[in-house]
Amino acid sequence: MSQKKASANKHHSVVDHSPLFGRSNYLFMAIGAVVMALGMLLMAGGKSADPKVFDYNEVYSTTRITVAPILIIVGMVIEVYAIFRKSK
């Protein structure tokens, strides 16, 4: 019985306590988050002077319809890159 116990204790698994992400990964994650936040801020609208008047050019501006979504997608691509990047 004691020999069985001794042989079972020989097979210890080694636990790696190294961090999952490196410093550069976190830097890229922060950059991606800032780019996405900038896209969200650009998409958020300005306030109209008169709420009863609909300003087509303000609502459907190039910044809100094109630039902001592109920035959000670029930020997500940066986040994916940061997650899959091998830390050194």
C-alpha atoms as a PDB file:
ATOM      1  CA  MET A   1       0.000   0.000   0.000  1.00  0.00           C
ATOM      2  CA  SER A   2       2.775   2.477   0.886  1.00  0.00           C
ATOM      3  CA  GLN A   3       4.582   1.760  -2.391  1.00  0.00           C
ATOM      4  CA  LYS A   4       1.438   2.649  -4.359  1.00  0.00           C
ATOM      5  CA  LYS A   5       1.207   5.945  -2.505  1.00  0.00           C
ATOM      6  CA  ALA A   6       4.852   6.739  -3.176  1.00  0.00           C
ATOM      7  CA  SER A   7       4.497   6.065  -6.906  1.00  0.00           C
ATOM      8  CA  ALA A   8       1.387   8.245  -7.086  1.00  0.00           C
ATOM      9  CA  ASN A   9       3.267  11.153  -5.498  1.00  0.00           C
ATOM     10  CA  LYS A  10       6.046  10.966  -8.112  1.00  0.00           C
ATOM     11  CA  HIS A  11       3.773  12.297 -10.863  1.00  0.00           C
ATOM     12  CA  HIS A  12       3.351  15.900  -9.798  1.00  0.00           C
ATOM     13  CA  SER A  13       2.307  18.335 -12.450  1.00  0.00           C
ATOM     14  CA  VAL A  14       4.333  21.493 -12.826  1.00  0.00           C
ATOM     15  CA  VAL A  15       2.273  24.671 -12.609  1.00  0.00           C
ATOM     16  CA  ASP A  16       3.518  27.629 -14.630  1.00  0.00           C
ATOM     17  CA  HIS A  17       2.886  30.901 -12.801  1.00  0.00           C
ATOM     18  CA  SER A  18       4.148  33.191 -15.564  1.00  0.00           C
ATOM     19  CA  PRO A  19       1.768  35.977 -16.600  1.00  0.00           C
ATOM     20  CA  LEU A  20      -0.496  35.286 -19.551  1.00  0.00           C
ATOM     21  CA  PHE A  21       0.195  38.626 -21.253  1.00  0.00           C
ATOM     22  CA  GLY A  22       3.341  40.725 -21.365  1.00  0.00           C
ATOM     23  CA  ARG A  23       3.718  44.462 -21.013  1.00  0.00           C
ATOM     24  CA  SER A  24       3.482  45.062 -24.757  1.00  0.00           C
ATOM     25  CA  ASN A  25       0.229  43.077 -24.920  1.00  0.00           C
ATOM     26  CA  TYR A  26      -1.324  45.324 -22.293  1.00  0.00           C
ATOM     27  CA  LEU A  27      -0.011  48.387 -24.132  1.00  0.00           C
ATOM     28  CA  PHE A  28      -1.698  47.260 -27.355  1.00  0.00           C
ATOM     29  CA  MET A  29      -4.903  46.499 -25.415  1.00  0.00           C
ATOM     30  CA  ALA A  30      -4.893  50.028 -23.988  1.00  0.00           C
ATOM     31  CA  ILE A  31      -4.284  51.540 -27.431  1.00  0.00           C
ATOM     32  CA  GLY A  32      -7.161  49.488 -28.873  1.00  0.00           C
ATOM     33  CA  ALA A  33      -9.463  50.600 -26.073  1.00  0.00           C
ATOM     34  CA  VAL A  34      -8.563  54.264 -26.653  1.00  0.00           C
ATOM     35  CA  VAL A  35      -9.188  53.941 -30.416  1.00  0.00           C
ATOM     36  CA  MET A  36     -12.583  52.309 -29.783  1.00  0.00           C
ATOM     37  CA  ALA A  37     -13.500  54.993 -27.225  1.00  0.00           C
ATOM     38  CA  LEU A  38     -12.554  57.689 -29.734  1.00  0.00           C
ATOM     39  CA  GLY A  39     -14.809  56.042 -32.317  1.00  0.00           C
ATOM     40  CA  MET A  40     -17.680  55.964 -29.818  1.00  0.00           C
ATOM     41  CA  LEU A  41     -17.173  59.635 -28.953  1.00  0.00           C
ATOM     42  CA  LEU A  42     -17.165  60.585 -32.632  1.00  0.00           C
ATOM     43  CA  MET A  43     -20.340  58.587 -33.197  1.00  0.00           C
ATOM     44  CA  ALA A  44     -22.112  60.248 -30.278  1.00  0.00           C
ATOM     45  CA  GLY A  45     -23.932  63.250 -31.561  1.00  0.00           C
ATOM     46  CA  GLY A  46     -23.792  66.886 -30.835  1.00  0.00           C
ATOM     47  CA  LYS A  47     -26.822  68.576 -29.425  1.00  0.00           C
ATOM     48  CA  SER A  48     -29.031  70.524 -31.767  1.00  0.00           C
ATOM     49  CA  ALA A  49     -29.819  74.118 -30.867  1.00  0.00           C
ATOM     50  CA  ASP A  50     -33.515  73.528 -31.513  1.00  0.00           C
ATOM     51  CA  PRO A  51     -34.752  69.998 -30.689  1.00  0.00           C
ATOM     52  CA  LYS A  52     -37.768  70.460 -32.971  1.00  0.00           C
ATOM     53  CA  VAL A  53     -35.593  70.939 -36.065  1.00  0.00           C
ATOM     54  CA  PHE A  54     -34.065  67.889 -37.787  1.00  0.00           C
ATOM     55  CA  ASP A  55     -30.654  68.666 -39.287  1.00  0.00           C
ATOM     56  CA  TYR A  56     -29.930  65.990 -41.892  1.00  0.00           C
ATOM     57  CA  ASN A  57     -26.276  67.036 -42.351  1.00  0.00           C
ATOM     58  CA  GLU A  58     -25.551  66.822 -38.640  1.00  0.00           C
ATOM     59  CA  VAL A  59     -27.150  63.418 -38.095  1.00  0.00           C
ATOM     60  CA  TYR A  60     -25.789  61.782 -41.251  1.00  0.00           C
ATOM     61  CA  SER A  61     -22.357  63.387 -41.296  1.00  0.00           C
ATOM     62  CA  THR A  62     -19.338  61.555 -42.698  1.00  0.00           C
ATOM     63  CA  THR A  63     -17.738  61.498 -39.275  1.00  0.00           C
ATOM     64  CA  ARG A  64     -20.642  59.646 -37.662  1.00  0.00           C
ATOM     65  CA  ILE A  65     -21.493  57.319 -40.536  1.00  0.00           C
ATOM     66  CA  THR A  66     -18.026  56.433 -41.865  1.00  0.00           C
ATOM     67  CA  VAL A  67     -15.082  57.502 -39.704  1.00  0.00           C
ATOM     68  CA  ALA A  68     -16.426  56.451 -36.293  1.00  0.00           C
ATOM     69  CA  PRO A  69     -17.369  52.867 -37.267  1.00  0.00           C
ATOM     70  CA  ILE A  70     -14.006  52.432 -39.016  1.00  0.00           C
ATOM     71  CA  LEU A  71     -12.226  53.538 -35.827  1.00  0.00           C
ATOM     72  CA  ILE A  72     -14.251  51.089 -33.752  1.00  0.00           C
ATOM     73  CA  ILE A  73     -13.399  48.216 -36.096  1.00  0.00           C
ATOM     74  CA  VAL A  74      -9.709  49.215 -36.129  1.00  0.00           C
ATOM     75  CA  GLY A  75      -9.762  49.264 -32.321  1.00  0.00           C
ATOM     76  CA  MET A  76     -11.228  45.759 -32.256  1.00  0.00           C
ATOM     77  CA  VAL A  77      -8.557  44.525 -34.676  1.00  0.00           C
ATOM     78  CA  ILE A  78      -5.886  46.014 -32.396  1.00  0.00           C
ATOM     79  CA  GLU A  79      -7.482  44.213 -29.419  1.00  0.00           C
ATOM     80  CA  VAL A  80      -7.461  40.872 -31.249  1.00  0.00           C
ATOM     81  CA  TYR A  81      -3.823  41.442 -32.233  1.00  0.00           C
ATOM     82  CA  ALA A  82      -2.945  42.254 -28.616  1.00  0.00           C
ATOM     83  CA  ILE A  83      -4.582  39.069 -27.375  1.00  0.00           C
ATOM     84  CA  PHE A  84      -2.998  36.747 -29.930  1.00  0.00           C
ATOM     85  CA  ARG A  85       0.439  38.412 -29.912  1.00  0.00           C
ATOM     86  CA  LYS A  86       3.142  36.240 -28.384  1.00  0.00           C
ATOM     87  CA  SER A  87       4.758  37.986 -25.423  1.00  0.00           C
ATOM     88  CA  LYS A  88       8.529  37.902 -25.271  1.00  0.00           C
END
